[in-house]
């Protein structure tokens, strides 16, 4: 008997885009964004984006349009500029560079990354 294979969707089909504004503030606070190349991680969102109905203050972003990204979603682009591989500080600088509203492209990671030690990797290669 042959098994039917389910086709998995490519991760690019799961990319979300939204427009965000800081309501005239100086841009996002450093706590809003986490990760970065200096930590060996992609930049990712550290907090939920409030909508226009529940604004959170002057420095918190407000979602203007699109599906709200969740905390932990990986930030791929800011107004078409790729930010993967940038440090935390450089990613914040890119976001602050553009006029508002800022378009963010994010993707939700499927599962948390599994970290291996050097010994574990060497053991896997010896198989």
PDB file of N, CA and C in Angstrom:
ATOM      1  N   UNK A   1       0.827  -1.187   0.000  1.00  0.00           N
ATOM      2  CA  UNK A   1       0.000   0.000   0.000  1.00  0.00           C
ATOM      3  C   UNK A   1       0.870   1.249   0.000  1.00  0.00           C
ATOM      4  N   UNK A   2       0.534   2.162  -0.827  1.00  0.00           N
ATOM      5  CA  UNK A   2       1.317   3.400  -0.860  1.00  0.00           C
ATOM      6  C   UNK A   2       0.694   4.436   0.069  1.00  0.00           C
ATOM      7  N   UNK A   3       1.563   5.147   0.702  1.00  0.00           N
ATOM      8  CA  UNK A   3       1.099   6.204   1.590  1.00  0.00           C
ATOM      9  C   UNK A   3       0.975   7.492   0.784  1.00  0.00           C
ATOM     10  N   UNK A   4      -0.052   8.242   1.080  1.00  0.00           N
ATOM     11  CA  UNK A   4      -0.179   9.530   0.408  1.00  0.00           C
ATOM     12  C   UNK A   4       0.664  10.544   1.153  1.00  0.00           C
ATOM     13  N   UNK A   5       1.405  11.296   0.413  1.00  0.00           N
ATOM     14  CA  UNK A   5       2.276  12.303   1.009  1.00  0.00           C
ATOM     15  C   UNK A   5       1.555  13.638   1.032  1.00  0.00           C
ATOM     16  N   UNK A   6       1.580  14.233   2.192  1.00  0.00           N
ATOM     17  CA  UNK A   6       1.016  15.568   2.306  1.00  0.00           C
ATOM     18  C   UNK A   6       2.087  16.570   1.916  1.00  0.00           C
ATOM     19  N   UNK A   7       1.735  17.483   1.058  1.00  0.00           N
ATOM     20  CA  UNK A   7       2.684  18.514   0.674  1.00  0.00           C
ATOM     21  C   UNK A   7       2.723  19.568   1.751  1.00  0.00           C
ATOM     22  N   UNK A   8       3.903  19.840   2.231  1.00  0.00           N
ATOM     23  CA  UNK A   8       4.068  20.876   3.242  1.00  0.00           C
ATOM     24  C   UNK A   8       4.218  22.215   2.545  1.00  0.00           C
ATOM     25  N   UNK A   9       3.645  23.223   3.165  1.00  0.00           N
ATOM     26  CA  UNK A   9       3.752  24.558   2.614  1.00  0.00           C
ATOM     27  C   UNK A   9       5.155  25.104   2.860  1.00  0.00           C
ATOM     28  N   UNK A  10       5.681  25.785   1.870  1.00  0.00           N
ATOM     29  CA  UNK A  10       6.983  26.411   1.993  1.00  0.00           C
ATOM     30  C   UNK A  10       6.890  27.558   2.985  1.00  0.00           C
ATOM     31  N   UNK A  11       7.964  27.844   3.700  1.00  0.00           N
ATOM     32  CA  UNK A  11       7.917  28.875   4.732  1.00  0.00           C
ATOM     33  C   UNK A  11       7.635  30.261   4.170  1.00  0.00           C
ATOM     34  N   UNK A  12       7.953  30.492   2.888  1.00  0.00           N
ATOM     35  CA  UNK A  12       7.664  31.797   2.288  1.00  0.00           C
ATOM     36  C   UNK A  12       6.170  32.077   2.205  1.00  0.00           C
ATOM     37  N   UNK A  13       5.368  31.022   2.159  1.00  0.00           N
ATOM     38  CA  UNK A  13       3.919  31.237   2.119  1.00  0.00           C
ATOM     39  C   UNK A  13       3.375  31.675   3.477  1.00  0.00           C
ATOM     40  N   UNK A  14       4.188  31.603   4.522  1.00  0.00           N
ATOM     41  CA  UNK A  14       3.753  31.974   5.868  1.00  0.00           C
ATOM     42  C   UNK A  14       4.240  33.359   6.287  1.00  0.00           C
ATOM     43  N   UNK A  15       4.863  34.095   5.372  1.00  0.00           N
ATOM     44  CA  UNK A  15       5.361  35.440   5.682  1.00  0.00           C
ATOM     45  C   UNK A  15       4.178  36.386   5.837  1.00  0.00           C
ATOM     46  N   UNK A  16       4.211  37.189   6.892  1.00  0.00           N
ATOM     47  CA  UNK A  16       3.153  38.156   7.165  1.00  0.00           C
ATOM     48  C   UNK A  16       3.713  39.561   6.984  1.00  0.00           C
ATOM     49  N   UNK A  17       2.871  40.478   6.569  1.00  0.00           N
ATOM     50  CA  UNK A  17       3.282  41.869   6.433  1.00  0.00           C
ATOM     51  C   UNK A  17       2.297  42.739   7.195  1.00  0.00           C
ATOM     52  N   UNK A  18       2.826  43.742   7.876  1.00  0.00           N
ATOM     53  CA  UNK A  18       1.977  44.676   8.608  1.00  0.00           C
ATOM     54  C   UNK A  18       2.595  46.067   8.560  1.00  0.00           C
ATOM     55  N   UNK A  19       1.778  47.071   8.828  1.00  0.00           N
ATOM     56  CA  UNK A  19       2.246  48.455   8.900  1.00  0.00           C
ATOM     57  C   UNK A  19       2.177  48.895  10.352  1.00  0.00           C
ATOM     58  N   UNK A  20       3.253  49.535  10.815  1.00  0.00           N
ATOM     59  CA  UNK A  20       3.387  49.907  12.219  1.00  0.00           C
ATOM     60  C   UNK A  20       3.772  51.379  12.307  1.00  0.00           C
ATOM     61  N   UNK A  21       3.249  52.055  13.338  1.00  0.00           N
ATOM     62  CA  UNK A  21       3.608  53.440  13.592  1.00  0.00           C
ATOM     63  C   UNK A  21       3.939  53.609  15.062  1.00  0.00           C
ATOM     64  N   UNK A  22       4.810  54.567  15.355  1.00  0.00           N
ATOM     65  CA  UNK A  22       5.162  54.871  16.744  1.00  0.00           C
ATOM     66  C   UNK A  22       4.545  56.185  17.192  1.00  0.00           C
ATOM     67  N   UNK A  23       3.567  56.669  16.455  1.00  0.00           N
ATOM     68  CA  UNK A  23       2.803  57.872  16.796  1.00  0.00           C
ATOM     69  C   UNK A  23       3.708  59.066  17.086  1.00  0.00           C
ATOM     70  N   UNK A  24       4.654  59.317  16.195  1.00  0.00           N
ATOM     71  CA  UNK A  24       5.518  60.480  16.335  1.00  0.00           C
ATOM     72  C   UNK A  24       6.644  60.314  17.328  1.00  0.00           C
ATOM     73  N   UNK A  25       6.782  59.136  17.924  1.00  0.00           N
ATOM     74  CA  UNK A  25       7.873  58.898  18.862  1.00  0.00           C
ATOM     75  C   UNK A  25       9.195  58.747  18.139  1.00  0.00           C
ATOM     76  N   UNK A  26      10.220  58.425  18.876  1.00  0.00           N
ATOM     77  CA  UNK A  26      11.556  58.304  18.289  1.00  0.00           C
ATOM     78  C   UNK A  26      11.824  56.904  17.754  1.00  0.00           C
ATOM     79  N   UNK A  27      10.801  56.111  17.594  1.00  0.00           N
ATOM     80  CA  UNK A  27      10.992  54.758  17.090  1.00  0.00           C
ATOM     81  C   UNK A  27      10.840  53.744  18.200  1.00  0.00           C
ATOM     82  N   UNK A  28      11.138  52.492  17.910  1.00  0.00           N
ATOM     83  CA  UNK A  28      10.918  51.437  18.897  1.00  0.00           C
ATOM     84  C   UNK A  28      11.923  51.493  20.046  1.00  0.00           C
ATOM     85  N   UNK A  29      11.473  51.042  21.195  1.00  0.00           N
ATOM     86  CA  UNK A  29      12.394  50.915  22.320  1.00  0.00           C
ATOM     87  C   UNK A  29      13.247  49.666  22.089  1.00  0.00           C
ATOM     88  N   UNK A  30      14.456  49.625  22.625  1.00  0.00           N
ATOM     89  CA  UNK A  30      15.320  48.453  22.412  1.00  0.00           C
ATOM     90  C   UNK A  30      14.716  47.152  22.958  1.00  0.00           C
ATOM     91  N   UNK A  31      13.804  47.231  23.928  1.00  0.00           N
ATOM     92  CA  UNK A  31      13.195  46.023  24.493  1.00  0.00           C
ATOM     93  C   UNK A  31      12.169  45.405  23.560  1.00  0.00           C
ATOM     94  N   UNK A  32      11.649  46.182  22.614  1.00  0.00           N
ATOM     95  CA  UNK A  32      10.624  45.681  21.710  1.00  0.00           C
ATOM     96  C   UNK A  32      11.200  44.654  20.743  1.00  0.00           C
ATOM     97  N   UNK A  33      12.484  44.799  20.429  1.00  0.00           N
ATOM     98  CA  UNK A  33      13.144  43.911  19.490  1.00  0.00           C
ATOM     99  C   UNK A  33      14.210  43.113  20.229  1.00  0.00           C
ATOM    100  N   UNK A  34      14.321  41.844  19.929  1.00  0.00           N
ATOM    101  CA  UNK A  34      15.310  40.981  20.585  1.00  0.00           C
ATOM    102  C   UNK A  34      16.170  40.305  19.529  1.00  0.00           C
ATOM    103  N   UNK A  35      17.197  39.606  19.992  1.00  0.00           N
ATOM    104  CA  UNK A  35      18.072  38.856  19.092  1.00  0.00           C
ATOM    105  C   UNK A  35      19.062  39.757  18.396  1.00  0.00           C
ATOM    106  N   UNK A  36      19.659  39.256  17.340  1.00  0.00           N
ATOM    107  CA  UNK A  36      20.640  40.005  16.568  1.00  0.00           C
ATOM    108  C   UNK A  36      21.856  39.147  16.298  1.00  0.00           C
ATOM    109  N   UNK A  37      22.641  39.564  15.322  1.00  0.00           N
ATOM    110  CA  UNK A  37      23.799  38.779  14.898  1.00  0.00           C
ATOM    111  C   UNK A  37      24.833  38.628  16.002  1.00  0.00           C
ATOM    112  N   UNK A  38      24.934  39.614  16.894  1.00  0.00           N
ATOM    113  CA  UNK A  38      25.938  39.508  17.954  1.00  0.00           C
ATOM    114  C   UNK A  38      25.612  38.385  18.940  1.00  0.00           C
ATOM    115  N   UNK A  39      24.358  37.924  18.941  1.00  0.00           N
ATOM    116  CA  UNK A  39      23.962  36.802  19.791  1.00  0.00           C
ATOM    117  C   UNK A  39      23.790  35.517  18.997  1.00  0.00           C
ATOM    118  N   UNK A  40      24.072  35.578  17.693  1.00  0.00           N
ATOM    119  CA  UNK A  40      23.919  34.395  16.849  1.00  0.00           C
ATOM    120  C   UNK A  40      22.469  34.092  16.541  1.00  0.00           C
ATOM    121  N   UNK A  41      21.610  35.111  16.559  1.00  0.00           N
ATOM    122  CA  UNK A  41      20.174  34.921  16.333  1.00  0.00           C
ATOM    123  C   UNK A  41      19.685  35.889  15.261  1.00  0.00           C
ATOM    124  N   UNK A  42      18.558  35.547  14.658  1.00  0.00           N
ATOM    125  CA  UNK A  42      17.866  36.490  13.799  1.00  0.00           C
ATOM    126  C   UNK A  42      17.151  37.497  14.697  1.00  0.00           C
ATOM    127  N   UNK A  43      16.943  38.732  14.230  1.00  0.00           N
ATOM    128  CA  UNK A  43      16.150  39.664  15.022  1.00  0.00           C
ATOM    129  C   UNK A  43      14.715  39.149  15.122  1.00  0.00           C
ATOM    130  N   UNK A  44      14.123  39.228  16.310  1.00  0.00           N
ATOM    131  CA  UNK A  44      12.747  38.781  16.491  1.00  0.00           C
ATOM    132  C   UNK A  44      12.027  39.735  17.438  1.00  0.00           C
ATOM    133  N   UNK A  45      10.708  39.688  17.371  1.00  0.00           N
ATOM    134  CA  UNK A  45       9.887  40.581  18.175  1.00  0.00           C
ATOM    135  C   UNK A  45       9.816  40.079  19.604  1.00  0.00           C
ATOM    136  N   UNK A  46       9.970  40.994  20.544  1.00  0.00           N
ATOM    137  CA  UNK A  46       9.938  40.610  21.951  1.00  0.00           C
ATOM    138  C   UNK A  46       8.638  40.960  22.636  1.00  0.00           C
ATOM    139  N   UNK A  47       7.727  41.669  21.958  1.00  0.00           N
ATOM    140  CA  UNK A  47       6.475  42.085  22.585  1.00  0.00           C
ATOM    141  C   UNK A  47       5.363  42.090  21.546  1.00  0.00           C
ATOM    142  N   UNK A  48       4.139  42.059  22.035  1.00  0.00           N
ATOM    143  CA  UNK A  48       2.951  42.107  21.176  1.00  0.00           C
ATOM    144  C   UNK A  48       2.742  43.535  20.696  1.00  0.00           C
ATOM    145  N   UNK A  49       2.271  43.692  19.470  1.00  0.00           N
ATOM    146  CA  UNK A  49       1.970  45.014  18.931  1.00  0.00           C
ATOM    147  C   UNK A  49       0.543  45.404  19.295  1.00  0.00           C
ATOM    148  N   UNK A  50       0.348  46.513  20.015  1.00  0.00           N
ATOM    149  CA  UNK A  50      -1.027  46.937  20.289  1.00  0.00           C
ATOM    150  C   UNK A  50      -1.672  47.490  19.022  1.00  0.00           C
ATOM    151  N   UNK A  51      -2.990  47.353  18.926  1.00  0.00           N
ATOM    152  CA  UNK A  51      -3.716  47.891  17.782  1.00  0.00           C
ATOM    153  C   UNK A  51      -4.142  49.322  18.088  1.00  0.00           C
ATOM    154  N   UNK A  52      -4.804  49.978  17.132  1.00  0.00           N
ATOM    155  CA  UNK A  52      -5.270  51.346  17.352  1.00  0.00           C
ATOM    156  C   UNK A  52      -6.278  51.423  18.492  1.00  0.00           C
ATOM    157  N   UNK A  53      -7.010  50.317  18.735  1.00  0.00           N
ATOM    158  CA  UNK A  53      -8.015  50.309  19.798  1.00  0.00           C
ATOM    159  C   UNK A  53      -7.395  50.298  21.189  1.00  0.00           C
ATOM    160  N   UNK A  54      -6.188  49.758  21.328  1.00  0.00           N
ATOM    161  CA  UNK A  54      -5.539  49.695  22.643  1.00  0.00           C
ATOM    162  C   UNK A  54      -4.107  50.210  22.576  1.00  0.00           C
ATOM    163  N   UNK A  55      -3.931  51.514  22.279  1.00  0.00           N
ATOM    164  CA  UNK A  55      -2.569  52.038  22.200  1.00  0.00           C
ATOM    165  C   UNK A  55      -1.871  51.947  23.538  1.00  0.00           C
ATOM    166  N   UNK A  56      -0.555  51.726  23.480  1.00  0.00           N
ATOM    167  CA  UNK A  56       0.179  51.487  24.715  1.00  0.00           C
ATOM    168  C   UNK A  56       1.049  52.637  25.169  1.00  0.00           C
ATOM    169  N   UNK A  57       1.080  53.739  24.475  1.00  0.00           N
ATOM    170  CA  UNK A  57       1.920  54.844  24.904  1.00  0.00           C
ATOM    171  C   UNK A  57       2.744  55.396  23.764  1.00  0.00           C
ATOM    172  N   UNK A  58       3.629  56.321  24.078  1.00  0.00           N
ATOM    173  CA  UNK A  58       4.384  57.029  23.064  1.00  0.00           C
ATOM    174  C   UNK A  58       5.445  56.212  22.374  1.00  0.00           C
ATOM    175  N   UNK A  59       6.115  55.305  23.082  1.00  0.00           N
ATOM    176  CA  UNK A  59       7.218  54.582  22.457  1.00  0.00           C
ATOM    177  C   UNK A  59       6.834  53.179  22.033  1.00  0.00           C
ATOM    178  N   UNK A  60       5.625  52.741  22.330  1.00  0.00           N
ATOM    179  CA  UNK A  60       5.252  51.409  21.890  1.00  0.00           C
ATOM    180  C   UNK A  60       4.630  51.502  20.502  1.00  0.00           C
ATOM    181  N   UNK A  61       4.896  50.538  19.635  1.00  0.00           N
ATOM    182  CA  UNK A  61       4.362  50.586  18.279  1.00  0.00           C
ATOM    183  C   UNK A  61       2.863  50.333  18.269  1.00  0.00           C
ATOM    184  N   UNK A  62       2.190  50.881  17.278  1.00  0.00           N
ATOM    185  CA  UNK A  62       0.763  50.672  17.103  1.00  0.00           C
ATOM    186  C   UNK A  62       0.558  50.066  15.730  1.00  0.00           C
ATOM    187  N   UNK A  63      -0.137  48.945  15.678  1.00  0.00           N
ATOM    188  CA  UNK A  63      -0.409  48.256  14.424  1.00  0.00           C
ATOM    189  C   UNK A  63      -1.459  49.041  13.648  1.00  0.00           C
ATOM    190  N   UNK A  64      -1.141  49.405  12.402  1.00  0.00           N
ATOM    191  CA  UNK A  64      -2.070  50.153  11.572  1.00  0.00           C
ATOM    192  C   UNK A  64      -2.840  49.251  10.615  1.00  0.00           C
ATOM    193  N   UNK A  65      -2.156  48.279  10.023  1.00  0.00           N
ATOM    194  CA  UNK A  65      -2.825  47.373   9.100  1.00  0.00           C
ATOM    195  C   UNK A  65      -2.076  46.051   9.060  1.00  0.00           C
ATOM    196  N   UNK A  66      -2.778  45.036   8.582  1.00  0.00           N
ATOM    197  CA  UNK A  66      -2.178  43.713   8.468  1.00  0.00           C
ATOM    198  C   UNK A  66      -2.439  42.871   9.697  1.00  0.00           C
ATOM    199  N   UNK A  67      -1.973  41.635   9.629  1.00  0.00           N
ATOM    200  CA  UNK A  67      -2.129  40.702  10.744  1.00  0.00           C
ATOM    201  C   UNK A  67      -1.066  40.990  11.795  1.00  0.00           C
ATOM    202  N   UNK A  68      -1.468  41.128  13.056  1.00  0.00           N
ATOM    203  CA  UNK A  68      -0.467  41.451  14.082  1.00  0.00           C
ATOM    204  C   UNK A  68       0.500  40.297  14.313  1.00  0.00           C
ATOM    205  N   UNK A  69       1.798  40.570  14.261  1.00  0.00           N
ATOM    206  CA  UNK A  69       2.764  39.514  14.556  1.00  0.00           C
ATOM    207  C   UNK A  69       2.787  39.212  16.050  1.00  0.00           C
ATOM    208  N   UNK A  70       3.191  38.018  16.379  1.00  0.00           N
ATOM    209  CA  UNK A  70       3.256  37.577  17.774  1.00  0.00           C
ATOM    210  C   UNK A  70       4.666  37.737  18.310  1.00  0.00           C
ATOM    211  N   UNK A  71       4.802  37.811  19.638  1.00  0.00           N
ATOM    212  CA  UNK A  71       6.148  37.795  20.210  1.00  0.00           C
ATOM    213  C   UNK A  71       6.874  36.517  19.785  1.00  0.00           C
ATOM    214  N   UNK A  72       8.116  36.658  19.389  1.00  0.00           N
ATOM    215  CA  UNK A  72       8.893  35.514  18.926  1.00  0.00           C
ATOM    216  C   UNK A  72       8.963  35.403  17.420  1.00  0.00           C
ATOM    217  N   UNK A  73       8.119  36.150  16.691  1.00  0.00           N
ATOM    218  CA  UNK A  73       8.172  36.111  15.233  1.00  0.00           C
ATOM    219  C   UNK A  73       9.483  36.726  14.741  1.00  0.00           C
ATOM    220  N   UNK A  74      10.080  36.109  13.749  1.00  0.00           N
ATOM    221  CA  UNK A  74      11.363  36.561  13.200  1.00  0.00           C
ATOM    222  C   UNK A  74      11.105  37.724  12.242  1.00  0.00           C
ATOM    223  N   UNK A  75      11.884  38.789  12.400  1.00  0.00           N
ATOM    224  CA  UNK A  75      11.782  39.964  11.538  1.00  0.00           C
ATOM    225  C   UNK A  75      12.653  39.747  10.306  1.00  0.00           C
ATOM    226  N   UNK A  76      12.030  39.775   9.116  1.00  0.00           N
ATOM    227  CA  UNK A  76      12.749  39.530   7.874  1.00  0.00           C
ATOM    228  C   UNK A  76      13.126  40.820   7.156  1.00  0.00           C
ATOM    229  N   UNK A  77      12.166  41.751   7.026  1.00  0.00           N
ATOM    230  CA  UNK A  77      12.387  42.974   6.275  1.00  0.00           C
ATOM    231  C   UNK A  77      11.725  44.159   6.951  1.00  0.00           C
ATOM    232  N   UNK A  78      12.311  45.336   6.743  1.00  0.00           N
ATOM    233  CA  UNK A  78      11.728  46.600   7.173  1.00  0.00           C
ATOM    234  C   UNK A  78      11.668  47.480   5.939  1.00  0.00           C
ATOM    235  N   UNK A  79      10.459  47.781   5.469  1.00  0.00           N
ATOM    236  CA  UNK A  79      10.252  48.568   4.240  1.00  0.00           C
ATOM    237  C   UNK A  79      11.074  48.024   3.073  1.00  0.00           C
ATOM    238  N   UNK A  80      11.119  46.726   2.934  1.00  0.00           N
ATOM    239  CA  UNK A  80      11.823  46.093   1.830  1.00  0.00           C
ATOM    240  C   UNK A  80      13.312  45.902   2.042  1.00  0.00           C
ATOM    241  N   UNK A  81      13.846  46.375   3.164  1.00  0.00           N
ATOM    242  CA  UNK A  81      15.269  46.211   3.465  1.00  0.00           C
ATOM    243  C   UNK A  81      15.471  44.966   4.326  1.00  0.00           C
ATOM    244  N   UNK A  82      16.212  43.977   3.865  1.00  0.00           N
ATOM    245  CA  UNK A  82      16.431  42.773   4.668  1.00  0.00           C
ATOM    246  C   UNK A  82      17.234  43.093   5.936  1.00  0.00           C
ATOM    247  N   UNK A  83      16.811  42.533   7.066  1.00  0.00           N
ATOM    248  CA  UNK A  83      17.507  42.784   8.328  1.00  0.00           C
ATOM    249  C   UNK A  83      18.080  41.511   8.939  1.00  0.00           C
ATOM    250  N   UNK A  84      17.901  40.376   8.284  1.00  0.00           N
ATOM    251  CA  UNK A  84      18.494  39.151   8.812  1.00  0.00           C
ATOM    252  C   UNK A  84      20.006  39.265   8.707  1.00  0.00           C
ATOM    253  N   UNK A  85      20.696  38.915   9.774  1.00  0.00           N
ATOM    254  CA  UNK A  85      22.140  39.018   9.808  1.00  0.00           C
ATOM    255  C   UNK A  85      22.648  40.322  10.387  1.00  0.00           C
ATOM    256  N   UNK A  86      21.745  41.257  10.700  1.00  0.00           N
ATOM    257  CA  UNK A  86      22.161  42.519  11.313  1.00  0.00           C
ATOM    258  C   UNK A  86      22.189  42.384  12.832  1.00  0.00           C
ATOM    259  N   UNK A  87      22.982  43.228  13.463  1.00  0.00           N
ATOM    260  CA  UNK A  87      23.007  43.248  14.924  1.00  0.00           C
ATOM    261  C   UNK A  87      21.730  43.912  15.437  1.00  0.00           C
ATOM    262  N   UNK A  88      21.491  43.779  16.732  1.00  0.00           N
ATOM    263  CA  UNK A  88      20.314  44.379  17.369  1.00  0.00           C
ATOM    264  C   UNK A  88      20.311  45.889  17.147  1.00  0.00           C
ATOM    265  N   UNK A  89      21.439  46.506  17.372  1.00  0.00           N
ATOM    266  CA  UNK A  89      21.563  47.962  17.231  1.00  0.00           C
ATOM    267  C   UNK A  89      21.339  48.414  15.781  1.00  0.00           C
ATOM    268  N   UNK A  90      21.903  47.685  14.826  1.00  0.00           N
ATOM    269  CA  UNK A  90      21.734  48.037  13.417  1.00  0.00           C
ATOM    270  C   UNK A  90      20.287  47.853  12.956  1.00  0.00           C
ATOM    271  N   UNK A  91      19.622  46.818  13.447  1.00  0.00           N
ATOM    272  CA  UNK A  91      18.217  46.599  13.096  1.00  0.00           C
ATOM    273  C   UNK A  91      17.357  47.743  13.600  1.00  0.00           C
ATOM    274  N   UNK A  92      17.597  48.184  14.839  1.00  0.00           N
ATOM    275  CA  UNK A  92      16.855  49.333  15.366  1.00  0.00           C
ATOM    276  C   UNK A  92      17.135  50.586  14.544  1.00  0.00           C
ATOM    277  N   UNK A  93      18.379  50.762  14.100  1.00  0.00           N
ATOM    278  CA  UNK A  93      18.732  51.925  13.281  1.00  0.00           C
ATOM    279  C   UNK A  93      18.001  51.898  11.937  1.00  0.00           C
ATOM    280  N   UNK A  94      17.866  50.727  11.341  1.00  0.00           N
ATOM    281  CA  UNK A  94      17.137  50.604  10.074  1.00  0.00           C
ATOM    282  C   UNK A  94      15.673  50.986  10.284  1.00  0.00           C
ATOM    283  N   UNK A  95      15.062  50.505  11.364  1.00  0.00           N
ATOM    284  CA  UNK A  95      13.663  50.820  11.636  1.00  0.00           C
ATOM    285  C   UNK A  95      13.486  52.324  11.855  1.00  0.00           C
ATOM    286  N   UNK A  96      14.395  52.935  12.593  1.00  0.00           N
ATOM    287  CA  UNK A  96      14.292  54.365  12.894  1.00  0.00           C
ATOM    288  C   UNK A  96      14.584  55.235  11.670  1.00  0.00           C
ATOM    289  N   UNK A  97      15.299  54.689  10.689  1.00  0.00           N
ATOM    290  CA  UNK A  97      15.675  55.443   9.493  1.00  0.00           C
ATOM    291  C   UNK A  97      14.459  55.807   8.638  1.00  0.00           C
ATOM    292  N   UNK A  98      13.481  54.921   8.555  1.00  0.00           N
ATOM    293  CA  UNK A  98      12.353  55.121   7.653  1.00  0.00           C
ATOM    294  C   UNK A  98      11.273  55.985   8.286  1.00  0.00           C
ATOM    295  N   UNK A  99      10.557  56.704   7.424  1.00  0.00           N
ATOM    296  CA  UNK A  99       9.413  57.487   7.879  1.00  0.00           C
ATOM    297  C   UNK A  99       8.270  56.543   8.194  1.00  0.00           C
ATOM    298  N   UNK A 100       7.399  56.997   9.057  1.00  0.00           N
ATOM    299  CA  UNK A 100       6.255  56.163   9.444  1.00  0.00           C
ATOM    300  C   UNK A 100       5.154  56.278   8.412  1.00  0.00           C
ATOM    301  N   UNK A 101       4.330  55.278   8.255  1.00  0.00           N
ATOM    302  CA  UNK A 101       4.359  53.966   8.890  1.00  0.00           C
ATOM    303  C   UNK A 101       5.435  53.069   8.278  1.00  0.00           C
ATOM    304  N   UNK A 102       5.918  52.151   9.072  1.00  0.00           N
ATOM    305  CA  UNK A 102       6.960  51.214   8.670  1.00  0.00           C
ATOM    306  C   UNK A 102       6.299  49.872   8.365  1.00  0.00           C
ATOM    307  N   UNK A 103       6.652  49.288   7.219  1.00  0.00           N
ATOM    308  CA  UNK A 103       6.130  47.969   6.855  1.00  0.00           C
ATOM    309  C   UNK A 103       7.105  46.892   7.333  1.00  0.00           C
ATOM    310  N   UNK A 104       6.606  45.958   8.114  1.00  0.00           N
ATOM    311  CA  UNK A 104       7.425  44.872   8.645  1.00  0.00           C
ATOM    312  C   UNK A 104       7.000  43.554   8.014  1.00  0.00           C
ATOM    313  N   UNK A 105       7.965  42.749   7.601  1.00  0.00           N
ATOM    314  CA  UNK A 105       7.694  41.382   7.151  1.00  0.00           C
ATOM    315  C   UNK A 105       8.246  40.448   8.207  1.00  0.00           C
ATOM    316  N   UNK A 106       7.377  39.585   8.705  1.00  0.00           N
ATOM    317  CA  UNK A 106       7.765  38.639   9.752  1.00  0.00           C
ATOM    318  C   UNK A 106       7.329  37.236   9.360  1.00  0.00           C
ATOM    319  N   UNK A 107       7.901  36.268  10.032  1.00  0.00           N
ATOM    320  CA  UNK A 107       7.491  34.883   9.860  1.00  0.00           C
ATOM    321  C   UNK A 107       7.573  34.213  11.231  1.00  0.00           C
ATOM    322  N   UNK A 108       6.599  33.378  11.510  1.00  0.00           N
ATOM    323  CA  UNK A 108       6.575  32.654  12.783  1.00  0.00           C
ATOM    324  C   UNK A 108       7.443  31.412  12.658  1.00  0.00           C
ATOM    325  N   UNK A 109       8.393  31.226  13.573  1.00  0.00           N
ATOM    326  CA  UNK A 109       9.217  30.015  13.502  1.00  0.00           C
ATOM    327  C   UNK A 109       8.375  28.777  13.796  1.00  0.00           C
ATOM    328  N   UNK A 110       8.660  27.696  13.085  1.00  0.00           N
ATOM    329  CA  UNK A 110       7.881  26.466  13.243  1.00  0.00           C
ATOM    330  C   UNK A 110       8.129  25.847  14.605  1.00  0.00           C
ATOM    331  N   UNK A 111       9.376  25.750  14.990  1.00  0.00           N
ATOM    332  CA  UNK A 111       9.723  25.180  16.289  1.00  0.00           C
ATOM    333  C   UNK A 111      10.970  25.885  16.789  1.00  0.00           C
ATOM    334  N   UNK A 112      11.181  25.870  18.096  1.00  0.00           N
ATOM    335  CA  UNK A 112      12.394  26.510  18.596  1.00  0.00           C
ATOM    336  C   UNK A 112      13.637  25.789  18.083  1.00  0.00           C
ATOM    337  N   UNK A 113      14.686  26.551  17.905  1.00  0.00           N
ATOM    338  CA  UNK A 113      15.931  25.954  17.438  1.00  0.00           C
ATOM    339  C   UNK A 113      16.493  25.009  18.484  1.00  0.00           C
ATOM    340  N   UNK A 114      17.018  23.911  18.029  1.00  0.00           N
ATOM    341  CA  UNK A 114      17.633  22.962  18.923  1.00  0.00           C
ATOM    342  C   UNK A 114      19.138  23.208  18.887  1.00  0.00           C
ATOM    343  N   UNK A 115      19.700  23.514  20.032  1.00  0.00           N
ATOM    344  CA  UNK A 115      21.119  23.815  20.102  1.00  0.00           C
ATOM    345  C   UNK A 115      21.904  22.557  20.455  1.00  0.00           C
ATOM    346  N   UNK A 116      23.006  22.365  19.768  1.00  0.00           N
ATOM    347  CA  UNK A 116      23.854  21.211  20.009  1.00  0.00           C
ATOM    348  C   UNK A 116      25.222  21.687  20.455  1.00  0.00           C
ATOM    349  N   UNK A 117      25.851  20.899  21.292  1.00  0.00           N
ATOM    350  CA  UNK A 117      27.228  21.194  21.671  1.00  0.00           C
ATOM    351  C   UNK A 117      28.155  20.651  20.585  1.00  0.00           C
ATOM    352  N   UNK A 118      29.415  21.054  20.629  1.00  0.00           N
ATOM    353  CA  UNK A 118      30.397  20.597  19.645  1.00  0.00           C
ATOM    354  C   UNK A 118      30.548  19.083  19.721  1.00  0.00           C
ATOM    355  N   UNK A 119      30.524  18.530  20.925  1.00  0.00           N
ATOM    356  CA  UNK A 119      30.657  17.082  21.078  1.00  0.00           C
ATOM    357  C   UNK A 119      29.491  16.343  20.442  1.00  0.00           C
ATOM    358  N   UNK A 120      28.269  16.879  20.584  1.00  0.00           N
ATOM    359  CA  UNK A 120      27.104  16.233  19.989  1.00  0.00           C
ATOM    360  C   UNK A 120      27.203  16.253  18.471  1.00  0.00           C
ATOM    361  N   UNK A 121      27.641  17.372  17.908  1.00  0.00           N
ATOM    362  CA  UNK A 121      27.752  17.467  16.445  1.00  0.00           C
ATOM    363  C   UNK A 121      28.815  16.497  15.947  1.00  0.00           C
ATOM    364  N   UNK A 122      29.947  16.434  16.634  1.00  0.00           N
ATOM    365  CA  UNK A 122      30.999  15.482  16.237  1.00  0.00           C
ATOM    366  C   UNK A 122      30.497  14.049  16.324  1.00  0.00           C
ATOM    367  N   UNK A 123      29.690  13.749  17.341  1.00  0.00           N
ATOM    368  CA  UNK A 123      29.123  12.405  17.472  1.00  0.00           C
ATOM    369  C   UNK A 123      28.178  12.076  16.336  1.00  0.00           C
ATOM    370  N   UNK A 124      27.421  13.063  15.860  1.00  0.00           N
ATOM    371  CA  UNK A 124      26.507  12.843  14.754  1.00  0.00           C
ATOM    372  C   UNK A 124      27.262  12.609  13.446  1.00  0.00           C
ATOM    373  N   UNK A 125      28.385  13.284  13.288  1.00  0.00           N
ATOM    374  CA  UNK A 125      29.166  13.143  12.055  1.00  0.00           C
ATOM    375  C   UNK A 125      29.884  11.800  11.991  1.00  0.00           C
ATOM    376  N   UNK A 126      30.114  11.153  13.136  1.00  0.00           N
ATOM    377  CA  UNK A 126      30.811   9.879  13.164  1.00  0.00           C
ATOM    378  C   UNK A 126      29.918   8.710  12.762  1.00  0.00           C
ATOM    379  N   UNK A 127      28.629   8.945  12.613  1.00  0.00           N
ATOM    380  CA  UNK A 127      27.716   7.854  12.291  1.00  0.00           C
ATOM    381  C   UNK A 127      28.056   7.198  11.039  1.00  0.00           C
TER     382      UNK A 127
END
